[in-house]
Amino acid sequence: MTRTSLGGAFAALIAAAPAFAAVEDSDGDGMFSFDEMLVAYPTLTEETFITIDTNGDGGIDEEELAAATEAGVLPAT
């Protein structure tokens, strides 16, 4: 990996980190439920939640959360 791509990967990780910190996995199942997401994003709709849940398993994982933040579906917190 070159210095540039390593730097870019690190920057992306740092940019996504606040989103992870804003949502608490209160039940410890490794995913964020709609109710857990509502605590961090009070205006979140069920429709948007379903859009973010790209694998359709009913929960948002860290990858889906990062992708939604990067795409602007969720605001960076």
PDB file of N, CA and C in Angstrom:
ATOM      1  N   MET A   1       0.853  -1.169   0.000  1.00  0.00           N
ATOM      2  CA  MET A   1       0.000   0.000   0.000  1.00  0.00           C
ATOM      3  C   MET A   1       0.898   1.232   0.000  1.00  0.00           C
ATOM      4  N   THR A   2       0.592   2.173  -0.836  1.00  0.00           N
ATOM      5  CA  THR A   2       1.417   3.369  -0.897  1.00  0.00           C
ATOM      6  C   THR A   2       1.066   4.309   0.235  1.00  0.00           C
ATOM      7  N   ARG A   3       1.947   5.266   0.443  1.00  0.00           N
ATOM      8  CA  ARG A   3       1.715   6.247   1.504  1.00  0.00           C
ATOM      9  C   ARG A   3       0.415   7.006   1.259  1.00  0.00           C
ATOM     10  N   THR A   4       0.147   7.334  -0.004  1.00  0.00           N
ATOM     11  CA  THR A   4      -1.065   8.081  -0.328  1.00  0.00           C
ATOM     12  C   THR A   4      -2.316   7.267  -0.011  1.00  0.00           C
ATOM     13  N   SER A   5      -2.355   6.011  -0.433  1.00  0.00           N
ATOM     14  CA  SER A   5      -3.558   5.226  -0.182  1.00  0.00           C
ATOM     15  C   SER A   5      -3.698   4.879   1.293  1.00  0.00           C
ATOM     16  N   LEU A   6      -2.583   4.686   1.982  1.00  0.00           N
ATOM     17  CA  LEU A   6      -2.647   4.450   3.419  1.00  0.00           C
ATOM     18  C   LEU A   6      -3.182   5.691   4.126  1.00  0.00           C
ATOM     19  N   GLY A   7      -2.707   6.849   3.705  1.00  0.00           N
ATOM     20  CA  GLY A   7      -3.205   8.102   4.280  1.00  0.00           C
ATOM     21  C   GLY A   7      -4.679   8.296   4.012  1.00  0.00           C
ATOM     22  N   GLY A   8      -5.112   7.941   2.803  1.00  0.00           N
ATOM     23  CA  GLY A   8      -6.523   8.061   2.457  1.00  0.00           C
ATOM     24  C   GLY A   8      -7.391   7.114   3.265  1.00  0.00           C
ATOM     25  N   ALA A   9      -6.908   5.893   3.462  1.00  0.00           N
ATOM     26  CA  ALA A   9      -7.651   4.923   4.264  1.00  0.00           C
ATOM     27  C   ALA A   9      -7.751   5.386   5.709  1.00  0.00           C
ATOM     28  N   PHE A  10      -6.663   5.918   6.228  1.00  0.00           N
ATOM     29  CA  PHE A  10      -6.670   6.423   7.600  1.00  0.00           C
ATOM     30  C   PHE A  10      -7.629   7.600   7.731  1.00  0.00           C
ATOM     31  N   ALA A  11      -7.619   8.504   6.762  1.00  0.00           N
ATOM     32  CA  ALA A  11      -8.524   9.655   6.790  1.00  0.00           C
ATOM     33  C   ALA A  11      -9.982   9.210   6.754  1.00  0.00           C
ATOM     34  N   ALA A  12     -10.284   8.193   5.945  1.00  0.00           N
ATOM     35  CA  ALA A  12     -11.658   7.677   5.876  1.00  0.00           C
ATOM     36  C   ALA A  12     -12.070   7.053   7.199  1.00  0.00           C
ATOM     37  N   LEU A  13     -11.155   6.337   7.831  1.00  0.00           N
ATOM     38  CA  LEU A  13     -11.449   5.733   9.124  1.00  0.00           C
ATOM     39  C   LEU A  13     -11.720   6.801  10.170  1.00  0.00           C
ATOM     40  N   ILE A  14     -10.899   7.825  10.196  1.00  0.00           N
ATOM     41  CA  ILE A  14     -11.071   8.914  11.155  1.00  0.00           C
ATOM     42  C   ILE A  14     -12.390   9.643  10.887  1.00  0.00           C
ATOM     43  N   ALA A  15     -12.725   9.857   9.630  1.00  0.00           N
ATOM     44  CA  ALA A  15     -13.965  10.554   9.289  1.00  0.00           C
ATOM     45  C   ALA A  15     -15.180   9.753   9.726  1.00  0.00           C
ATOM     46  N   ALA A  16     -15.113   8.433   9.648  1.00  0.00           N
ATOM     47  CA  ALA A  16     -16.256   7.595  10.010  1.00  0.00           C
ATOM     48  C   ALA A  16     -16.334   7.354  11.511  1.00  0.00           C
ATOM     49  N   ALA A  17     -15.246   7.487  12.220  1.00  0.00           N
ATOM     50  CA  ALA A  17     -15.212   7.183  13.654  1.00  0.00           C
ATOM     51  C   ALA A  17     -16.271   7.927  14.461  1.00  0.00           C
ATOM     52  N   PRO A  18     -16.504   9.218  14.224  1.00  0.00           N
ATOM     53  CA  PRO A  18     -17.541   9.890  15.010  1.00  0.00           C
ATOM     54  C   PRO A  18     -18.922   9.288  14.822  1.00  0.00           C
ATOM     55  N   ALA A  19     -19.213   8.785  13.629  1.00  0.00           N
ATOM     56  CA  ALA A  19     -20.519   8.161  13.400  1.00  0.00           C
ATOM     57  C   ALA A  19     -20.672   6.922  14.266  1.00  0.00           C
ATOM     58  N   PHE A  20     -19.610   6.119  14.375  1.00  0.00           N
ATOM     59  CA  PHE A  20     -19.674   4.929  15.208  1.00  0.00           C
ATOM     60  C   PHE A  20     -19.861   5.303  16.664  1.00  0.00           C
ATOM     61  N   ALA A  21     -19.175   6.338  17.086  1.00  0.00           N
ATOM     62  CA  ALA A  21     -19.234   6.739  18.488  1.00  0.00           C
ATOM     63  C   ALA A  21     -20.604   7.301  18.848  1.00  0.00           C
ATOM     64  N   ALA A  22     -21.304   7.870  17.878  1.00  0.00           N
ATOM     65  CA  ALA A  22     -22.583   8.513  18.151  1.00  0.00           C
ATOM     66  C   ALA A  22     -23.703   7.510  18.381  1.00  0.00           C
ATOM     67  N   VAL A  23     -23.584   6.325  17.812  1.00  0.00           N
ATOM     68  CA  VAL A  23     -24.622   5.309  17.945  1.00  0.00           C
ATOM     69  C   VAL A  23     -24.123   4.258  18.934  1.00  0.00           C
ATOM     70  N   GLU A  24     -24.939   3.981  19.937  1.00  0.00           N
ATOM     71  CA  GLU A  24     -24.555   3.002  20.951  1.00  0.00           C
ATOM     72  C   GLU A  24     -25.290   1.686  20.714  1.00  0.00           C
ATOM     73  N   ASP A  25     -24.542   0.609  20.674  1.00  0.00           N
ATOM     74  CA  ASP A  25     -25.110  -0.728  20.556  1.00  0.00           C
ATOM     75  C   ASP A  25     -25.504  -1.179  21.956  1.00  0.00           C
ATOM     76  N   SER A  26     -26.646  -0.709  22.425  1.00  0.00           N
ATOM     77  CA  SER A  26     -27.035  -0.890  23.824  1.00  0.00           C
ATOM     78  C   SER A  26     -27.296  -2.348  24.205  1.00  0.00           C
ATOM     79  N   ASP A  27     -27.661  -3.196  23.231  1.00  0.00           N
ATOM     80  CA  ASP A  27     -27.906  -4.598  23.570  1.00  0.00           C
ATOM     81  C   ASP A  27     -26.708  -5.497  23.255  1.00  0.00           C
ATOM     82  N   GLY A  28     -25.647  -4.916  22.700  1.00  0.00           N
ATOM     83  CA  GLY A  28     -24.412  -5.646  22.460  1.00  0.00           C
ATOM     84  C   GLY A  28     -24.473  -6.728  21.396  1.00  0.00           C
ATOM     85  N   ASP A  29     -25.422  -6.613  20.456  1.00  0.00           N
ATOM     86  CA  ASP A  29     -25.552  -7.653  19.432  1.00  0.00           C
ATOM     87  C   ASP A  29     -24.679  -7.413  18.197  1.00  0.00           C
ATOM     88  N   GLY A  30     -23.912  -6.323  18.210  1.00  0.00           N
ATOM     89  CA  GLY A  30     -23.025  -6.033  17.091  1.00  0.00           C
ATOM     90  C   GLY A  30     -23.669  -5.276  15.948  1.00  0.00           C
ATOM     91  N   MET A  31     -24.942  -4.937  16.107  1.00  0.00           N
ATOM     92  CA  MET A  31     -25.663  -4.167  15.091  1.00  0.00           C
ATOM     93  C   MET A  31     -26.420  -3.044  15.787  1.00  0.00           C
ATOM     94  N   PHE A  32     -26.801  -2.057  14.994  1.00  0.00           N
ATOM     95  CA  PHE A  32     -27.586  -0.950  15.519  1.00  0.00           C
ATOM     96  C   PHE A  32     -29.031  -1.116  15.056  1.00  0.00           C
ATOM     97  N   SER A  33     -29.946  -1.201  16.007  1.00  0.00           N
ATOM     98  CA  SER A  33     -31.370  -1.326  15.694  1.00  0.00           C
ATOM     99  C   SER A  33     -31.931   0.049  15.336  1.00  0.00           C
ATOM    100  N   PHE A  34     -33.151   0.061  14.860  1.00  0.00           N
ATOM    101  CA  PHE A  34     -33.813   1.327  14.553  1.00  0.00           C
ATOM    102  C   PHE A  34     -33.873   2.197  15.806  1.00  0.00           C
ATOM    103  N   ASP A  35     -34.254   1.621  16.938  1.00  0.00           N
ATOM    104  CA  ASP A  35     -34.344   2.394  18.181  1.00  0.00           C
ATOM    105  C   ASP A  35     -32.979   2.928  18.625  1.00  0.00           C
ATOM    106  N   GLU A  36     -31.922   2.131  18.471  1.00  0.00           N
ATOM    107  CA  GLU A  36     -30.579   2.596  18.828  1.00  0.00           C
ATOM    108  C   GLU A  36     -30.142   3.734  17.908  1.00  0.00           C
ATOM    109  N   MET A  37     -30.483   3.627  16.638  1.00  0.00           N
ATOM    110  CA  MET A  37     -30.133   4.691  15.687  1.00  0.00           C
ATOM    111  C   MET A  37     -30.902   5.974  15.981  1.00  0.00           C
ATOM    112  N   LEU A  38     -32.155   5.849  16.444  1.00  0.00           N
ATOM    113  CA  LEU A  38     -32.969   7.030  16.750  1.00  0.00           C
ATOM    114  C   LEU A  38     -32.360   7.890  17.857  1.00  0.00           C
ATOM    115  N   VAL A  39     -31.641   7.282  18.773  1.00  0.00           N
ATOM    116  CA  VAL A  39     -31.008   8.043  19.849  1.00  0.00           C
ATOM    117  C   VAL A  39     -30.007   9.026  19.259  1.00  0.00           C
ATOM    118  N   ALA A  40     -29.211   8.582  18.288  1.00  0.00           N
ATOM    119  CA  ALA A  40     -28.198   9.437  17.662  1.00  0.00           C
ATOM    120  C   ALA A  40     -28.769  10.297  16.536  1.00  0.00           C
ATOM    121  N   TYR A  41     -29.786   9.781  15.860  1.00  0.00           N
ATOM    122  CA  TYR A  41     -30.385  10.474  14.707  1.00  0.00           C
ATOM    123  C   TYR A  41     -31.895  10.560  14.915  1.00  0.00           C
ATOM    124  N   PRO A  42     -32.362  11.505  15.717  1.00  0.00           N
ATOM    125  CA  PRO A  42     -33.786  11.570  16.085  1.00  0.00           C
ATOM    126  C   PRO A  42     -34.750  11.775  14.918  1.00  0.00           C
ATOM    127  N   THR A  43     -34.270  12.256  13.792  1.00  0.00           N
ATOM    128  CA  THR A  43     -35.153  12.477  12.647  1.00  0.00           C
ATOM    129  C   THR A  43     -35.131  11.308  11.659  1.00  0.00           C
ATOM    130  N   LEU A  44     -34.422  10.235  12.002  1.00  0.00           N
ATOM    131  CA  LEU A  44     -34.336   9.063  11.138  1.00  0.00           C
ATOM    132  C   LEU A  44     -35.719   8.453  10.921  1.00  0.00           C
ATOM    133  N   THR A  45     -36.029   8.147   9.685  1.00  0.00           N
ATOM    134  CA  THR A  45     -37.299   7.484   9.373  1.00  0.00           C
ATOM    135  C   THR A  45     -37.055   5.994   9.145  1.00  0.00           C
ATOM    136  N   GLU A  46     -38.109   5.222   9.241  1.00  0.00           N
ATOM    137  CA  GLU A  46     -37.986   3.784   8.966  1.00  0.00           C
ATOM    138  C   GLU A  46     -37.559   3.550   7.520  1.00  0.00           C
ATOM    139  N   GLU A  47     -38.038   4.390   6.617  1.00  0.00           N
ATOM    140  CA  GLU A  47     -37.667   4.266   5.210  1.00  0.00           C
ATOM    141  C   GLU A  47     -36.157   4.455   5.027  1.00  0.00           C
ATOM    142  N   THR A  48     -35.597   5.468   5.684  1.00  0.00           N
ATOM    143  CA  THR A  48     -34.156   5.697   5.583  1.00  0.00           C
ATOM    144  C   THR A  48     -33.389   4.553   6.236  1.00  0.00           C
ATOM    145  N   PHE A  49     -33.872   4.054   7.373  1.00  0.00           N
ATOM    146  CA  PHE A  49     -33.234   2.930   8.039  1.00  0.00           C
ATOM    147  C   PHE A  49     -33.160   1.726   7.097  1.00  0.00           C
ATOM    148  N   ILE A  50     -34.249   1.440   6.412  1.00  0.00           N
ATOM    149  CA  ILE A  50     -34.291   0.313   5.472  1.00  0.00           C
ATOM    150  C   ILE A  50     -33.309   0.541   4.326  1.00  0.00           C
ATOM    151  N   THR A  51     -33.189   1.780   3.867  1.00  0.00           N
ATOM    152  CA  THR A  51     -32.238   2.111   2.808  1.00  0.00           C
ATOM    153  C   THR A  51     -30.803   1.869   3.267  1.00  0.00           C
ATOM    154  N   ILE A  52     -30.492   2.248   4.494  1.00  0.00           N
ATOM    155  CA  ILE A  52     -29.139   2.078   5.046  1.00  0.00           C
ATOM    156  C   ILE A  52     -28.825   0.599   5.253  1.00  0.00           C
ATOM    157  N   ASP A  53     -29.815  -0.187   5.615  1.00  0.00           N
ATOM    158  CA  ASP A  53     -29.644  -1.617   5.877  1.00  0.00           C
ATOM    159  C   ASP A  53     -29.536  -2.368   4.553  1.00  0.00           C
ATOM    160  N   THR A  54     -28.395  -2.216   3.895  1.00  0.00           N
ATOM    161  CA  THR A  54     -28.233  -2.730   2.539  1.00  0.00           C
ATOM    162  C   THR A  54     -28.282  -4.247   2.439  1.00  0.00           C
ATOM    163  N   ASN A  55     -27.953  -4.968   3.512  1.00  0.00           N
ATOM    164  CA  ASN A  55     -28.019  -6.425   3.442  1.00  0.00           C
ATOM    165  C   ASN A  55     -29.361  -6.971   3.935  1.00  0.00           C
ATOM    166  N   GLY A  56     -30.252  -6.087   4.389  1.00  0.00           N
ATOM    167  CA  GLY A  56     -31.612  -6.481   4.747  1.00  0.00           C
ATOM    168  C   GLY A  56     -31.750  -7.362   5.969  1.00  0.00           C
ATOM    169  N   ASP A  57     -30.764  -7.307   6.877  1.00  0.00           N
ATOM    170  CA  ASP A  57     -30.840  -8.168   8.062  1.00  0.00           C
ATOM    171  C   ASP A  57     -31.547  -7.523   9.247  1.00  0.00           C
ATOM    172  N   GLY A  58     -32.076  -6.327   9.058  1.00  0.00           N
ATOM    173  CA  GLY A  58     -32.835  -5.667  10.118  1.00  0.00           C
ATOM    174  C   GLY A  58     -32.010  -4.865  11.094  1.00  0.00           C
ATOM    175  N   GLY A  59     -30.710  -4.777  10.854  1.00  0.00           N
ATOM    176  CA  GLY A  59     -29.830  -3.989  11.703  1.00  0.00           C
ATOM    177  C   GLY A  59     -28.767  -3.304  10.871  1.00  0.00           C
ATOM    178  N   ILE A  60     -28.186  -2.271  11.433  1.00  0.00           N
ATOM    179  CA  ILE A  60     -27.138  -1.518  10.744  1.00  0.00           C
ATOM    180  C   ILE A  60     -25.807  -1.913  11.359  1.00  0.00           C
ATOM    181  N   ASP A  61     -24.886  -2.403  10.510  1.00  0.00           N
ATOM    182  CA  ASP A  61     -23.550  -2.705  11.020  1.00  0.00           C
ATOM    183  C   ASP A  61     -22.647  -1.497  10.767  1.00  0.00           C
ATOM    184  N   GLU A  62     -21.425  -1.562  11.265  1.00  0.00           N
ATOM    185  CA  GLU A  62     -20.518  -0.412  11.146  1.00  0.00           C
ATOM    186  C   GLU A  62     -20.226  -0.059   9.695  1.00  0.00           C
ATOM    187  N   GLU A  63     -20.126  -1.067   8.833  1.00  0.00           N
ATOM    188  CA  GLU A  63     -19.873  -0.822   7.415  1.00  0.00           C
ATOM    189  C   GLU A  63     -21.036  -0.069   6.774  1.00  0.00           C
ATOM    190  N   GLU A  64     -22.252  -0.485   7.076  1.00  0.00           N
ATOM    191  CA  GLU A  64     -23.436   0.190   6.529  1.00  0.00           C
ATOM    192  C   GLU A  64     -23.532   1.621   7.073  1.00  0.00           C
ATOM    193  N   LEU A  65     -23.219   1.795   8.344  1.00  0.00           N
ATOM    194  CA  LEU A  65     -23.251   3.120   8.951  1.00  0.00           C
ATOM    195  C   LEU A  65     -22.227   4.040   8.295  1.00  0.00           C
ATOM    196  N   ALA A  66     -21.026   3.530   8.084  1.00  0.00           N
ATOM    197  CA  ALA A  66     -19.979   4.330   7.435  1.00  0.00           C
ATOM    198  C   ALA A  66     -20.383   4.696   6.014  1.00  0.00           C
ATOM    199  N   ALA A  67     -20.942   3.733   5.279  1.00  0.00           N
ATOM    200  CA  ALA A  67     -21.357   3.986   3.893  1.00  0.00           C
ATOM    201  C   ALA A  67     -22.466   5.041   3.840  1.00  0.00           C
ATOM    202  N   ALA A  68     -23.419   4.955   4.765  1.00  0.00           N
ATOM    203  CA  ALA A  68     -24.519   5.922   4.791  1.00  0.00           C
ATOM    204  C   ALA A  68     -24.008   7.318   5.138  1.00  0.00           C
ATOM    205  N   THR A  69     -23.056   7.394   6.041  1.00  0.00           N
ATOM    206  CA  THR A  69     -22.483   8.694   6.407  1.00  0.00           C
ATOM    207  C   THR A  69     -21.696   9.265   5.225  1.00  0.00           C
ATOM    208  N   GLU A  70     -20.874   8.414   4.605  1.00  0.00           N
ATOM    209  CA  GLU A  70     -20.073   8.850   3.462  1.00  0.00           C
ATOM    210  C   GLU A  70     -20.950   9.309   2.303  1.00  0.00           C
ATOM    211  N   ALA A  71     -22.066   8.627   2.089  1.00  0.00           N
ATOM    212  CA  ALA A  71     -22.973   8.965   0.984  1.00  0.00           C
ATOM    213  C   ALA A  71     -23.851  10.170   1.292  1.00  0.00           C
ATOM    214  N   GLY A  72     -23.811  10.637   2.556  1.00  0.00           N
ATOM    215  CA  GLY A  72     -24.630  11.779   2.933  1.00  0.00           C
ATOM    216  C   GLY A  72     -26.051  11.416   3.326  1.00  0.00           C
ATOM    217  N   VAL A  73     -26.340  10.118   3.433  1.00  0.00           N
ATOM    218  CA  VAL A  73     -27.675   9.685   3.863  1.00  0.00           C
ATOM    219  C   VAL A  73     -27.884  10.048   5.332  1.00  0.00           C
ATOM    220  N   LEU A  74     -26.809   9.925   6.104  1.00  0.00           N
ATOM    221  CA  LEU A  74     -26.804  10.333   7.508  1.00  0.00           C
ATOM    222  C   LEU A  74     -25.802  11.469   7.680  1.00  0.00           C
ATOM    223  N   PRO A  75     -26.122  12.422   8.511  1.00  0.00           N
ATOM    224  CA  PRO A  75     -25.143  13.478   8.765  1.00  0.00           C
ATOM    225  C   PRO A  75     -23.992  12.947   9.607  1.00  0.00           C
ATOM    226  N   ALA A  76     -22.800  13.454   9.372  1.00  0.00           N
ATOM    227  CA  ALA A  76     -21.669  13.118  10.239  1.00  0.00           C
ATOM    228  C   ALA A  76     -21.936  13.766  11.591  1.00  0.00           C
ATOM    229  N   THR A  77     -21.740  13.012  12.658  1.00  0.00           N
ATOM    230  CA  THR A  77     -22.010  13.559  13.995  1.00  0.00           C
ATOM    231  C   THR A  77     -20.722  13.902  14.700  1.00  0.00           C
TER     232      THR A  77
END
